[in-house]
Amino acid sequence: MKEAMFYSKEKENNVRCNLCSHHCRIKPGHRGICAVRENRDGTLYTLVYGKLISENSDPIEKKPLFHFLPGTRSYSIATVGCNFQCLHCQNWQISQYPRLNRDAAIPGDKRSPEDVVDSAIADGAKSISYTYVEPTIFYEMAFETARLAKKRELKNVFVSNGFMSEEVTRHLSTVLDGINIDLKAFTDKFYHEVCKARLQPVLDNIKLMHELGVWVEVTTLIIPGWNDSQAELREIARFIKGVSNSIPWHVTAFYPTYKMMDRPPTPVDTLRKAREIGLEEGLRFVYEGNVPGEGGENTYCPSCGETLIERYGFRIVKNNMDDGRCPKCGEEIEGIWH
């Protein structure tokens, strides 16, 4: 076991975890909401350090990050656990495992930060992604790996629900290069009923990550009947524009899963309308996701309309970028290109 970061001790051996915006008060012998941080006699421990449940080489486009080293591989890792309880989680078997199997041992292959970085380099990856579950919950492993990766000229990526505490956001930004944050909806009703969380910390972290110089992209999974109204989509687009009009917004298709089998898949027309709304509100880059071949995955020059990067799913068909600029009109395209 490893002592956790970001907690304070209280009376009667209670502790306050300050890793995420739940700020769990944890009694001795109990765990926080994420179910992978446990108070043992007044000391908080992480139960997942060095226990990887998933380790894969992915296209960076799968995160999704479209303006971050396009066409490269990202070595992706995860442990079990999550600080959200989303009814539509596509990785619920690992994210909810500790909550659904409280008496079971924490599963995972024993791996060190050095092991992960060595594997990423051997794979030819240009970055390491902390993903599949909320990576904040395995922060100690993620941060040590990210710090070592930076020394060996690898970039670091979080795929996150954006619910970390401000203290952690500032700490993480010292080693993080890019992040995709899920902005799941624009109402507390959705966050409370679907995720068991709150909206405002996510909004705050999108702003703060951008201010701290981390490359930010935002994803909204559009669920019929939950967050697909044009009014709500417009609110999301306006919020992102208020942070920066250069932040790419990924509007992606929902497919029934886990505890949300009562909703149909998202119609392509809904994604298309969401993309139109984002562009109408002044965002420079809006992408349709989970619908390969429909054309909404391509990067176009916001100035002249030239096709800059043509994609099919997670595969780049053609990249016409000229060192971060449009080859036709010279417009600078925001992102991390090398």
C-alpha atoms as a PDB file:
ATOM      1  CA  MET A   1       0.000   0.000   0.000  1.00  0.00           C
ATOM      2  CA  LYS A   2       1.018   3.604  -0.488  1.00  0.00           C
ATOM      3  CA  GLU A   3      -0.013   6.610   1.572  1.00  0.00           C
ATOM      4  CA  ALA A   4      -2.338   8.853  -0.390  1.00  0.00           C
ATOM      5  CA  MET A   5      -1.629  12.424  -1.413  1.00  0.00           C
ATOM      6  CA  PHE A   6      -3.960  15.361  -0.751  1.00  0.00           C
ATOM      7  CA  TYR A   7      -5.680  14.591   2.530  1.00  0.00           C
ATOM      8  CA  SER A   8      -5.828  16.056   6.021  1.00  0.00           C
ATOM      9  CA  LYS A   9      -6.188  14.376   9.375  1.00  0.00           C
ATOM     10  CA  GLU A  10      -9.109  15.182  11.662  1.00  0.00           C
ATOM     11  CA  LYS A  11     -10.270  14.228  15.136  1.00  0.00           C
ATOM     12  CA  GLU A  12     -10.887  10.606  16.154  1.00  0.00           C
ATOM     13  CA  ASN A  13      -8.728   9.298  13.295  1.00  0.00           C
ATOM     14  CA  ASN A  14     -11.076  10.656  10.638  1.00  0.00           C
ATOM     15  CA  VAL A  15      -9.533  12.048   7.457  1.00  0.00           C
ATOM     16  CA  ARG A  16     -10.657  14.517   4.813  1.00  0.00           C
ATOM     17  CA  CYS A  17      -9.694  13.544   1.269  1.00  0.00           C
ATOM     18  CA  ASN A  18      -8.985  16.593  -0.884  1.00  0.00           C
ATOM     19  CA  LEU A  19      -8.181  14.800  -4.121  1.00  0.00           C
ATOM     20  CA  CYS A  20     -11.461  15.608  -5.862  1.00  0.00           C
ATOM     21  CA  SER A  21     -14.403  17.918  -5.373  1.00  0.00           C
ATOM     22  CA  HIS A  22     -16.344  15.397  -3.285  1.00  0.00           C
ATOM     23  CA  HIS A  23     -13.931  16.176  -0.399  1.00  0.00           C
ATOM     24  CA  CYS A  24     -14.938  12.936   1.328  1.00  0.00           C
ATOM     25  CA  ARG A  25     -14.786  12.752   5.105  1.00  0.00           C
ATOM     26  CA  ILE A  26     -13.683   9.169   5.721  1.00  0.00           C
ATOM     27  CA  LYS A  27     -13.973   7.322   9.010  1.00  0.00           C
ATOM     28  CA  PRO A  28     -11.406   4.708  10.100  1.00  0.00           C
ATOM     29  CA  GLY A  29     -11.904   1.448   8.195  1.00  0.00           C
ATOM     30  CA  HIS A  30     -13.934   3.146   5.464  1.00  0.00           C
ATOM     31  CA  ARG A  31     -13.296   4.263   1.886  1.00  0.00           C
ATOM     32  CA  GLY A  32     -14.179   7.382  -0.048  1.00  0.00           C
ATOM     33  CA  ILE A  33     -16.756   7.618  -2.826  1.00  0.00           C
ATOM     34  CA  CYS A  34     -14.184   6.348  -5.348  1.00  0.00           C
ATOM     35  CA  ALA A  35     -13.872   3.166  -3.233  1.00  0.00           C
ATOM     36  CA  VAL A  36     -10.092   2.997  -3.767  1.00  0.00           C
ATOM     37  CA  ARG A  37      -8.838   5.290  -0.973  1.00  0.00           C
ATOM     38  CA  GLU A  38      -9.129   3.856   2.518  1.00  0.00           C
ATOM     39  CA  ASN A  39      -8.636   5.270   5.999  1.00  0.00           C
ATOM     40  CA  ARG A  40      -6.578   2.908   8.111  1.00  0.00           C
ATOM     41  CA  ASP A  41      -6.154   4.172  11.673  1.00  0.00           C
ATOM     42  CA  GLY A  42      -6.083   7.830  10.619  1.00  0.00           C
ATOM     43  CA  THR A  43      -3.844   7.422   7.565  1.00  0.00           C
ATOM     44  CA  LEU A  44      -5.330   7.519   4.076  1.00  0.00           C
ATOM     45  CA  TYR A  45      -3.999   4.956   1.640  1.00  0.00           C
ATOM     46  CA  THR A  46      -4.451   4.466  -2.079  1.00  0.00           C
ATOM     47  CA  LEU A  47      -5.412   0.878  -2.821  1.00  0.00           C
ATOM     48  CA  VAL A  48      -4.632   0.990  -6.549  1.00  0.00           C
ATOM     49  CA  TYR A  49      -1.037   2.198  -6.721  1.00  0.00           C
ATOM     50  CA  GLY A  50       0.831   0.022  -9.235  1.00  0.00           C
ATOM     51  CA  LYS A  51      -2.226  -2.141  -9.951  1.00  0.00           C
ATOM     52  CA  LEU A  52      -3.092  -1.627 -13.605  1.00  0.00           C
ATOM     53  CA  ILE A  53      -6.311  -3.183 -14.842  1.00  0.00           C
ATOM     54  CA  SER A  54      -5.849  -1.940 -18.402  1.00  0.00           C
ATOM     55  CA  GLU A  55      -2.758  -1.136 -20.481  1.00  0.00           C
ATOM     56  CA  ASN A  56      -3.077  -0.533 -24.216  1.00  0.00           C
ATOM     57  CA  SER A  57      -1.598   1.352 -27.143  1.00  0.00           C
ATOM     58  CA  ASP A  58      -4.301   3.617 -28.628  1.00  0.00           C
ATOM     59  CA  PRO A  59      -4.538   6.232 -31.348  1.00  0.00           C
ATOM     60  CA  ILE A  60      -4.516   9.643 -29.666  1.00  0.00           C
ATOM     61  CA  GLU A  61      -7.723  10.336 -31.641  1.00  0.00           C
ATOM     62  CA  LYS A  62      -9.508   7.758 -29.445  1.00  0.00           C
ATOM     63  CA  LYS A  63      -9.221   9.951 -26.338  1.00  0.00           C
ATOM     64  CA  PRO A  64     -10.569  11.981 -28.256  1.00  0.00           C
ATOM     65  CA  LEU A  65      -7.851  14.542 -28.896  1.00  0.00           C
ATOM     66  CA  PHE A  66      -7.843  15.907 -32.442  1.00  0.00           C
ATOM     67  CA  HIS A  67      -5.434  18.839 -32.014  1.00  0.00           C
ATOM     68  CA  PHE A  68      -2.751  16.963 -30.076  1.00  0.00           C
ATOM     69  CA  LEU A  69      -0.030  15.078 -31.983  1.00  0.00           C
ATOM     70  CA  PRO A  70      -2.482  13.739 -34.592  1.00  0.00           C
ATOM     71  CA  GLY A  71      -1.751  10.291 -35.981  1.00  0.00           C
ATOM     72  CA  THR A  72       0.434   9.235 -33.034  1.00  0.00           C
ATOM     73  CA  ARG A  73      -0.016   6.437 -30.501  1.00  0.00           C
ATOM     74  CA  SER A  74      -0.709   7.093 -26.842  1.00  0.00           C
ATOM     75  CA  TYR A  75       0.157   4.442 -24.265  1.00  0.00           C
ATOM     76  CA  SER A  76      -2.990   4.205 -22.143  1.00  0.00           C
ATOM     77  CA  ILE A  77      -3.322   2.968 -18.564  1.00  0.00           C
ATOM     78  CA  ALA A  78      -6.005   2.618 -15.897  1.00  0.00           C
ATOM     79  CA  THR A  79      -6.747   1.076 -12.528  1.00  0.00           C
ATOM     80  CA  VAL A  80     -10.172   0.140 -11.213  1.00  0.00           C
ATOM     81  CA  GLY A  81     -12.363   2.748  -9.514  1.00  0.00           C
ATOM     82  CA  CYS A  82     -14.051   6.071 -10.215  1.00  0.00           C
ATOM     83  CA  ASN A  83     -15.389   9.056  -8.278  1.00  0.00           C
ATOM     84  CA  PHE A  84     -18.511   9.192 -10.493  1.00  0.00           C
ATOM     85  CA  GLN A  85     -21.299   6.620 -10.708  1.00  0.00           C
ATOM     86  CA  CYS A  86     -22.561   7.333 -14.230  1.00  0.00           C
ATOM     87  CA  LEU A  87     -25.589   5.317 -15.242  1.00  0.00           C
ATOM     88  CA  HIS A  88     -24.275   5.137 -18.815  1.00  0.00           C
ATOM     89  CA  CYS A  89     -20.622   4.307 -18.113  1.00  0.00           C
ATOM     90  CA  GLN A  90     -19.152   2.314 -20.987  1.00  0.00           C
ATOM     91  CA  ASN A  91     -16.325   1.015 -18.760  1.00  0.00           C
ATOM     92  CA  TRP A  92     -18.485   0.232 -15.740  1.00  0.00           C
ATOM     93  CA  GLN A  93     -16.928  -3.213 -15.255  1.00  0.00           C
ATOM     94  CA  ILE A  94     -13.687  -1.547 -14.145  1.00  0.00           C
ATOM     95  CA  SER A  95     -14.843   1.892 -13.000  1.00  0.00           C
ATOM     96  CA  GLN A  96     -17.441   0.483 -10.609  1.00  0.00           C
ATOM     97  CA  TYR A  97     -15.609  -2.716  -9.665  1.00  0.00           C
ATOM     98  CA  PRO A  98     -14.532  -1.686  -6.153  1.00  0.00           C
ATOM     99  CA  ARG A  99     -18.028  -0.396  -5.403  1.00  0.00           C
ATOM    100  CA  LEU A 100     -19.734  -3.553  -6.699  1.00  0.00           C
ATOM    101  CA  ASN A 101     -17.195  -5.921  -5.104  1.00  0.00           C
ATOM    102  CA  ARG A 102     -16.375  -4.309  -1.783  1.00  0.00           C
ATOM    103  CA  ASP A 103     -15.165  -7.529  -0.165  1.00  0.00           C
ATOM    104  CA  ALA A 104     -12.934  -8.518  -3.076  1.00  0.00           C
ATOM    105  CA  ALA A 105      -9.248  -7.747  -3.433  1.00  0.00           C
ATOM    106  CA  ILE A 106      -8.353  -4.863  -5.737  1.00  0.00           C
ATOM    107  CA  PRO A 107      -7.388  -6.477  -9.057  1.00  0.00           C
ATOM    108  CA  GLY A 108      -4.618  -5.391 -11.406  1.00  0.00           C
ATOM    109  CA  ASP A 109      -1.210  -6.259 -12.778  1.00  0.00           C
ATOM    110  CA  LYS A 110       1.734  -5.056 -10.713  1.00  0.00           C
ATOM    111  CA  ARG A 111       3.442  -2.244 -12.643  1.00  0.00           C
ATOM    112  CA  SER A 112       5.720   0.596 -11.647  1.00  0.00           C
ATOM    113  CA  PRO A 113       5.920   4.064 -13.231  1.00  0.00           C
ATOM    114  CA  GLU A 114       9.249   2.982 -14.742  1.00  0.00           C
ATOM    115  CA  ASP A 115       7.576  -0.089 -16.267  1.00  0.00           C
ATOM    116  CA  VAL A 116       4.882   2.048 -17.882  1.00  0.00           C
ATOM    117  CA  VAL A 117       7.291   4.585 -19.333  1.00  0.00           C
ATOM    118  CA  ASP A 118       9.586   1.851 -20.652  1.00  0.00           C
ATOM    119  CA  SER A 119       6.611   0.135 -22.309  1.00  0.00           C
ATOM    120  CA  ALA A 120       5.419   3.389 -23.871  1.00  0.00           C
ATOM    121  CA  ILE A 121       8.828   4.091 -25.364  1.00  0.00           C
ATOM    122  CA  ALA A 122       9.203   0.514 -26.618  1.00  0.00           C
ATOM    123  CA  ASP A 123       5.767   0.838 -28.242  1.00  0.00           C
ATOM    124  CA  GLY A 124       6.801   3.982 -30.096  1.00  0.00           C
ATOM    125  CA  ALA A 125       4.139   6.059 -28.342  1.00  0.00           C
ATOM    126  CA  LYS A 126       4.546   9.830 -28.163  1.00  0.00           C
ATOM    127  CA  SER A 127       2.439  10.213 -25.032  1.00  0.00           C
ATOM    128  CA  ILE A 128       0.963   8.397 -22.053  1.00  0.00           C
ATOM    129  CA  SER A 129      -2.773   8.671 -21.449  1.00  0.00           C
ATOM    130  CA  TYR A 130      -4.359   8.183 -18.045  1.00  0.00           C
ATOM    131  CA  THR A 131      -7.823   7.089 -19.060  1.00  0.00           C
ATOM    132  CA  TYR A 132     -10.676   4.502 -19.203  1.00  0.00           C
ATOM    133  CA  VAL A 133     -11.728   5.432 -15.623  1.00  0.00           C
ATOM    134  CA  GLU A 134     -11.317   8.797 -13.919  1.00  0.00           C
ATOM    135  CA  PRO A 135      -7.510   9.019 -13.622  1.00  0.00           C
ATOM    136  CA  THR A 136      -7.645  11.345 -10.630  1.00  0.00           C
ATOM    137  CA  ILE A 137      -8.491   8.338  -8.451  1.00  0.00           C
ATOM    138  CA  PHE A 138      -5.107   6.751  -9.205  1.00  0.00           C
ATOM    139  CA  TYR A 139      -3.334  10.090  -8.902  1.00  0.00           C
ATOM    140  CA  GLU A 140      -0.254   8.879  -7.047  1.00  0.00           C
ATOM    141  CA  MET A 141       0.549   6.384  -9.802  1.00  0.00           C
ATOM    142  CA  ALA A 142      -0.410   8.813 -12.569  1.00  0.00           C
ATOM    143  CA  PHE A 143       1.640  11.722 -11.237  1.00  0.00           C
ATOM    144  CA  GLU A 144       4.803   9.698 -10.634  1.00  0.00           C
ATOM    145  CA  THR A 145       4.499   8.141 -14.091  1.00  0.00           C
ATOM    146  CA  ALA A 146       3.854  11.527 -15.707  1.00  0.00           C
ATOM    147  CA  ARG A 147       6.845  13.124 -13.999  1.00  0.00           C
ATOM    148  CA  LEU A 148       9.119  10.350 -15.244  1.00  0.00           C
ATOM    149  CA  ALA A 149       7.559  10.498 -18.722  1.00  0.00           C
ATOM    150  CA  LYS A 150       8.359  14.218 -18.994  1.00  0.00           C
ATOM    151  CA  LYS A 151      12.000  13.501 -18.230  1.00  0.00           C
ATOM    152  CA  ARG A 152      12.045  10.998 -21.078  1.00  0.00           C
ATOM    153  CA  GLU A 153      10.374  13.376 -23.552  1.00  0.00           C
ATOM    154  CA  LEU A 154       6.918  11.800 -23.555  1.00  0.00           C
ATOM    155  CA  LYS A 155       3.823  13.951 -23.261  1.00  0.00           C
ATOM    156  CA  ASN A 156       1.052  13.291 -20.731  1.00  0.00           C
ATOM    157  CA  VAL A 157      -2.708  13.233 -21.275  1.00  0.00           C
ATOM    158  CA  PHE A 158      -5.672  12.943 -18.901  1.00  0.00           C
ATOM    159  CA  VAL A 159      -9.091  11.817 -20.100  1.00  0.00           C
ATOM    160  CA  SER A 160     -11.160  13.129 -17.239  1.00  0.00           C
ATOM    161  CA  ASN A 161     -14.541  14.007 -15.807  1.00  0.00           C
ATOM    162  CA  GLY A 162     -12.931  17.241 -14.589  1.00  0.00           C
ATOM    163  CA  PHE A 163     -13.938  16.793 -10.931  1.00  0.00           C
ATOM    164  CA  MET A 164     -10.497  17.090  -9.324  1.00  0.00           C
ATOM    165  CA  SER A 165      -9.942  19.676  -6.608  1.00  0.00           C
ATOM    166  CA  GLU A 166      -8.346  23.006  -7.500  1.00  0.00           C
ATOM    167  CA  GLU A 167      -5.229  22.032  -5.539  1.00  0.00           C
ATOM    168  CA  VAL A 168      -4.845  18.881  -7.612  1.00  0.00           C
ATOM    169  CA  THR A 169      -5.497  20.717 -10.884  1.00  0.00           C
ATOM    170  CA  ARG A 170      -2.679  23.128 -10.150  1.00  0.00           C
ATOM    171  CA  HIS A 171      -0.360  20.302  -9.072  1.00  0.00           C
ATOM    172  CA  LEU A 172      -1.214  18.183 -12.130  1.00  0.00           C
ATOM    173  CA  SER A 173      -0.666  21.045 -14.571  1.00  0.00           C
ATOM    174  CA  THR A 174       3.071  20.921 -13.849  1.00  0.00           C
ATOM    175  CA  VAL A 175       3.350  17.594 -15.709  1.00  0.00           C
ATOM    176  CA  LEU A 176       0.237  17.526 -17.910  1.00  0.00           C
ATOM    177  CA  ASP A 177       0.312  18.494 -21.592  1.00  0.00           C
ATOM    178  CA  GLY A 178      -3.248  17.779 -22.711  1.00  0.00           C
ATOM    179  CA  ILE A 179      -6.644  16.891 -21.274  1.00  0.00           C
ATOM    180  CA  ASN A 180     -10.023  15.941 -22.638  1.00  0.00           C
ATOM    181  CA  ILE A 181     -12.712  16.834 -20.108  1.00  0.00           C
ATOM    182  CA  ASP A 182     -16.215  15.436 -20.301  1.00  0.00           C
ATOM    183  CA  LEU A 183     -18.739  18.226 -19.964  1.00  0.00           C
ATOM    184  CA  LYS A 184     -21.581  15.766 -19.625  1.00  0.00           C
ATOM    185  CA  ALA A 185     -24.424  18.271 -19.515  1.00  0.00           C
ATOM    186  CA  PHE A 186     -25.149  21.810 -18.376  1.00  0.00           C
ATOM    187  CA  THR A 187     -27.505  21.114 -15.477  1.00  0.00           C
ATOM    188  CA  ASP A 188     -26.973  20.007 -11.894  1.00  0.00           C
ATOM    189  CA  LYS A 189     -29.996  17.739 -12.348  1.00  0.00           C
ATOM    190  CA  PHE A 190     -28.052  15.634 -14.863  1.00  0.00           C
ATOM    191  CA  TYR A 191     -24.890  15.555 -12.765  1.00  0.00           C
ATOM    192  CA  HIS A 192     -26.793  14.660  -9.600  1.00  0.00           C
ATOM    193  CA  GLU A 193     -29.161  12.053 -11.034  1.00  0.00           C
ATOM    194  CA  VAL A 194     -26.924  10.452 -13.670  1.00  0.00           C
ATOM    195  CA  CYS A 195     -23.410  10.839 -12.213  1.00  0.00           C
ATOM    196  CA  LYS A 196     -23.850  11.481  -8.461  1.00  0.00           C
ATOM    197  CA  ALA A 197     -21.786  14.642  -8.799  1.00  0.00           C
ATOM    198  CA  ARG A 198     -22.023  18.410  -9.452  1.00  0.00           C
ATOM    199  CA  LEU A 199     -21.564  20.615 -12.508  1.00  0.00           C
ATOM    200  CA  GLN A 200     -19.701  23.656 -11.170  1.00  0.00           C
ATOM    201  CA  PRO A 201     -16.348  21.986 -10.340  1.00  0.00           C
ATOM    202  CA  VAL A 202     -16.187  20.680 -13.918  1.00  0.00           C
ATOM    203  CA  LEU A 203     -16.746  24.168 -15.332  1.00  0.00           C
ATOM    204  CA  ASP A 204     -14.147  25.589 -12.960  1.00  0.00           C
ATOM    205  CA  ASN A 205     -11.554  23.016 -13.996  1.00  0.00           C
ATOM    206  CA  ILE A 206     -12.078  23.555 -17.719  1.00  0.00           C
ATOM    207  CA  LYS A 207     -11.332  27.237 -17.147  1.00  0.00           C
ATOM    208  CA  LEU A 208      -8.412  26.596 -14.817  1.00  0.00           C
ATOM    209  CA  MET A 209      -6.732  23.964 -16.993  1.00  0.00           C
ATOM    210  CA  HIS A 210      -6.864  26.377 -19.927  1.00  0.00           C
ATOM    211  CA  GLU A 211      -5.488  29.240 -17.796  1.00  0.00           C
ATOM    212  CA  LEU A 212      -2.636  27.024 -16.606  1.00  0.00           C
ATOM    213  CA  GLY A 213      -1.543  26.324 -20.166  1.00  0.00           C
ATOM    214  CA  VAL A 214      -2.741  22.727 -20.546  1.00  0.00           C
ATOM    215  CA  TRP A 215      -4.178  21.935 -23.989  1.00  0.00           C
ATOM    216  CA  VAL A 216      -7.931  21.369 -23.405  1.00  0.00           C
ATOM    217  CA  GLU A 217     -10.536  19.625 -25.532  1.00  0.00           C
ATOM    218  CA  VAL A 218     -14.117  19.060 -24.349  1.00  0.00           C
ATOM    219  CA  THR A 219     -16.462  16.155 -25.029  1.00  0.00           C
ATOM    220  CA  THR A 220     -20.240  16.032 -24.610  1.00  0.00           C
ATOM    221  CA  LEU A 221     -21.930  12.664 -25.079  1.00  0.00           C
ATOM    222  CA  ILE A 222     -25.399  13.606 -26.299  1.00  0.00           C
ATOM    223  CA  ILE A 223     -28.109  11.429 -24.733  1.00  0.00           C
ATOM    224  CA  PRO A 224     -31.646  11.618 -26.180  1.00  0.00           C
ATOM    225  CA  GLY A 225     -34.044  13.117 -23.659  1.00  0.00           C
ATOM    226  CA  TRP A 226     -31.321  14.038 -21.190  1.00  0.00           C
ATOM    227  CA  ASN A 227     -29.019  16.706 -22.609  1.00  0.00           C
ATOM    228  CA  ASP A 228     -29.973  17.006 -26.281  1.00  0.00           C
ATOM    229  CA  SER A 229     -32.123  20.136 -26.269  1.00  0.00           C
ATOM    230  CA  GLN A 230     -30.857  22.886 -28.534  1.00  0.00           C
ATOM    231  CA  ALA A 231     -31.039  25.331 -25.644  1.00  0.00           C
ATOM    232  CA  GLU A 232     -28.732  23.239 -23.460  1.00  0.00           C
ATOM    233  CA  LEU A 233     -26.313  22.537 -26.308  1.00  0.00           C
ATOM    234  CA  ARG A 234     -26.166  26.263 -27.001  1.00  0.00           C
ATOM    235  CA  GLU A 235     -25.390  26.945 -23.324  1.00  0.00           C
ATOM    236  CA  ILE A 236     -22.505  24.468 -23.462  1.00  0.00           C
ATOM    237  CA  ALA A 237     -21.142  26.036 -26.641  1.00  0.00           C
ATOM    238  CA  ARG A 238     -21.362  29.520 -25.139  1.00  0.00           C
ATOM    239  CA  PHE A 239     -19.572  28.399 -22.006  1.00  0.00           C
ATOM    240  CA  ILE A 240     -16.697  26.862 -24.007  1.00  0.00           C
ATOM    241  CA  LYS A 241     -16.495  29.965 -26.214  1.00  0.00           C
ATOM    242  CA  GLY A 242     -16.295  32.062 -23.042  1.00  0.00           C
ATOM    243  CA  VAL A 243     -13.163  30.161 -22.032  1.00  0.00           C
ATOM    244  CA  SER A 244     -11.640  30.098 -25.527  1.00  0.00           C
ATOM    245  CA  ASN A 245     -13.090  29.783 -29.002  1.00  0.00           C
ATOM    246  CA  SER A 246     -10.129  27.567 -29.949  1.00  0.00           C
ATOM    247  CA  ILE A 247     -11.085  24.732 -27.574  1.00  0.00           C
ATOM    248  CA  PRO A 248     -12.297  21.820 -29.746  1.00  0.00           C
ATOM    249  CA  TRP A 249     -15.753  20.540 -28.787  1.00  0.00           C
ATOM    250  CA  HIS A 250     -16.532  16.876 -29.477  1.00  0.00           C
ATOM    251  CA  VAL A 251     -20.255  16.117 -29.666  1.00  0.00           C
ATOM    252  CA  THR A 252     -20.531  12.351 -29.618  1.00  0.00           C
ATOM    253  CA  ALA A 253     -23.205   9.716 -30.084  1.00  0.00           C
ATOM    254  CA  PHE A 254     -24.653   7.770 -27.156  1.00  0.00           C
ATOM    255  CA  TYR A 255     -25.353   4.051 -27.347  1.00  0.00           C
ATOM    256  CA  PRO A 256     -27.382   2.260 -24.635  1.00  0.00           C
ATOM    257  CA  THR A 257     -25.205   0.659 -21.962  1.00  0.00           C
ATOM    258  CA  TYR A 258     -24.988  -0.311 -18.275  1.00  0.00           C
ATOM    259  CA  LYS A 259     -27.980   1.148 -16.372  1.00  0.00           C
ATOM    260  CA  MET A 260     -29.178   3.397 -19.185  1.00  0.00           C
ATOM    261  CA  MET A 261     -30.753   0.979 -21.619  1.00  0.00           C
ATOM    262  CA  ASP A 262     -33.987   2.974 -21.909  1.00  0.00           C
ATOM    263  CA  ARG A 263     -32.599   5.591 -24.304  1.00  0.00           C
ATOM    264  CA  PRO A 264     -32.117   5.133 -28.048  1.00  0.00           C
ATOM    265  CA  PRO A 265     -28.819   5.804 -29.817  1.00  0.00           C
ATOM    266  CA  THR A 266     -28.231   9.443 -30.709  1.00  0.00           C
ATOM    267  CA  PRO A 267     -29.469  10.294 -34.234  1.00  0.00           C
ATOM    268  CA  VAL A 268     -26.805  11.642 -36.580  1.00  0.00           C
ATOM    269  CA  ASP A 269     -29.077  14.632 -37.214  1.00  0.00           C
ATOM    270  CA  THR A 270     -28.776  15.578 -33.533  1.00  0.00           C
ATOM    271  CA  LEU A 271     -24.992  15.558 -33.720  1.00  0.00           C
ATOM    272  CA  ARG A 272     -25.089  17.590 -36.901  1.00  0.00           C
ATOM    273  CA  LYS A 273     -27.332  20.185 -35.259  1.00  0.00           C
ATOM    274  CA  ALA A 274     -25.058  20.310 -32.216  1.00  0.00           C
ATOM    275  CA  ARG A 275     -22.083  20.941 -34.461  1.00  0.00           C
ATOM    276  CA  GLU A 276     -23.975  23.719 -36.251  1.00  0.00           C
ATOM    277  CA  ILE A 277     -24.844  25.299 -32.902  1.00  0.00           C
ATOM    278  CA  GLY A 278     -21.215  25.218 -31.785  1.00  0.00           C
ATOM    279  CA  LEU A 279     -20.039  26.879 -34.980  1.00  0.00           C
ATOM    280  CA  GLU A 280     -22.874  29.439 -34.830  1.00  0.00           C
ATOM    281  CA  GLU A 281     -21.785  30.363 -31.300  1.00  0.00           C
ATOM    282  CA  GLY A 282     -18.264  31.060 -32.521  1.00  0.00           C
ATOM    283  CA  LEU A 283     -16.308  27.899 -31.744  1.00  0.00           C
ATOM    284  CA  ARG A 284     -13.581  27.339 -34.312  1.00  0.00           C
ATOM    285  CA  PHE A 285     -13.597  23.525 -34.129  1.00  0.00           C
ATOM    286  CA  VAL A 286     -16.561  21.236 -33.472  1.00  0.00           C
ATOM    287  CA  TYR A 287     -16.410  17.500 -34.147  1.00  0.00           C
ATOM    288  CA  GLU A 288     -19.016  14.738 -34.394  1.00  0.00           C
ATOM    289  CA  GLY A 289     -17.956  11.518 -32.682  1.00  0.00           C
ATOM    290  CA  ASN A 290     -18.910   7.829 -32.745  1.00  0.00           C
ATOM    291  CA  VAL A 291     -20.317   8.146 -36.296  1.00  0.00           C
ATOM    292  CA  PRO A 292     -17.408   7.316 -38.647  1.00  0.00           C
ATOM    293  CA  GLY A 293     -17.657   8.472 -42.234  1.00  0.00           C
ATOM    294  CA  GLU A 294     -20.252  11.189 -41.720  1.00  0.00           C
ATOM    295  CA  GLY A 295     -17.753  14.015 -42.321  1.00  0.00           C
ATOM    296  CA  GLY A 296     -18.014  15.695 -38.930  1.00  0.00           C
ATOM    297  CA  GLU A 297     -14.671  14.255 -37.835  1.00  0.00           C
ATOM    298  CA  ASN A 298     -12.562  16.358 -40.201  1.00  0.00           C
ATOM    299  CA  THR A 299     -10.607  19.476 -39.280  1.00  0.00           C
ATOM    300  CA  TYR A 300     -11.417  22.444 -41.505  1.00  0.00           C
ATOM    301  CA  CYS A 301      -9.688  25.801 -41.652  1.00  0.00           C
ATOM    302  CA  PRO A 302     -11.963  28.266 -39.827  1.00  0.00           C
ATOM    303  CA  SER A 303     -10.808  31.014 -42.167  1.00  0.00           C
ATOM    304  CA  CYS A 304     -11.046  29.565 -45.698  1.00  0.00           C
ATOM    305  CA  GLY A 305     -12.778  26.205 -45.178  1.00  0.00           C
ATOM    306  CA  GLU A 306      -9.895  24.088 -46.516  1.00  0.00           C
ATOM    307  CA  THR A 307      -9.902  20.460 -45.324  1.00  0.00           C
ATOM    308  CA  LEU A 308      -6.825  20.198 -43.107  1.00  0.00           C
ATOM    309  CA  ILE A 309      -7.132  16.741 -41.561  1.00  0.00           C
ATOM    310  CA  GLU A 310      -9.442  14.079 -42.965  1.00  0.00           C
ATOM    311  CA  ARG A 311     -10.424  11.311 -40.527  1.00  0.00           C
ATOM    312  CA  TYR A 312     -12.374   8.082 -40.564  1.00  0.00           C
ATOM    313  CA  GLY A 313     -13.067   7.027 -36.994  1.00  0.00           C
ATOM    314  CA  PHE A 314      -9.739   7.048 -35.158  1.00  0.00           C
ATOM    315  CA  ARG A 315      -7.725   6.836 -38.378  1.00  0.00           C
ATOM    316  CA  ILE A 316      -6.244   9.802 -40.215  1.00  0.00           C
ATOM    317  CA  VAL A 317      -6.832   9.489 -43.952  1.00  0.00           C
ATOM    318  CA  LYS A 318      -4.948  12.628 -44.930  1.00  0.00           C
ATOM    319  CA  ASN A 319      -3.131  15.391 -43.073  1.00  0.00           C
ATOM    320  CA  ASN A 320      -2.644  18.588 -45.061  1.00  0.00           C
ATOM    321  CA  MET A 321      -1.443  20.736 -42.161  1.00  0.00           C
ATOM    322  CA  ASP A 322       1.651  22.841 -42.718  1.00  0.00           C
ATOM    323  CA  ASP A 323       3.393  23.041 -39.339  1.00  0.00           C
ATOM    324  CA  GLY A 324       0.222  24.088 -37.528  1.00  0.00           C
ATOM    325  CA  ARG A 325      -1.083  26.306 -40.313  1.00  0.00           C
ATOM    326  CA  CYS A 326      -3.542  26.057 -43.184  1.00  0.00           C
ATOM    327  CA  PRO A 327      -1.501  25.444 -46.359  1.00  0.00           C
ATOM    328  CA  LYS A 328      -3.993  27.472 -48.413  1.00  0.00           C
ATOM    329  CA  CYS A 329      -4.425  30.723 -46.457  1.00  0.00           C
ATOM    330  CA  GLY A 330      -1.797  30.467 -43.704  1.00  0.00           C
ATOM    331  CA  GLU A 331      -4.301  30.589 -40.811  1.00  0.00           C
ATOM    332  CA  GLU A 332      -2.763  29.392 -37.546  1.00  0.00           C
ATOM    333  CA  ILE A 333      -4.583  26.331 -36.198  1.00  0.00           C
ATOM    334  CA  GLU A 334      -4.432  26.039 -32.415  1.00  0.00           C
ATOM    335  CA  GLY A 335      -3.133  22.795 -30.941  1.00  0.00           C
ATOM    336  CA  ILE A 336      -0.010  20.795 -30.066  1.00  0.00           C
ATOM    337  CA  TRP A 337       1.353  19.552 -33.347  1.00  0.00           C
ATOM    338  CA  HIS A 338       4.849  18.305 -32.411  1.00  0.00           C
END
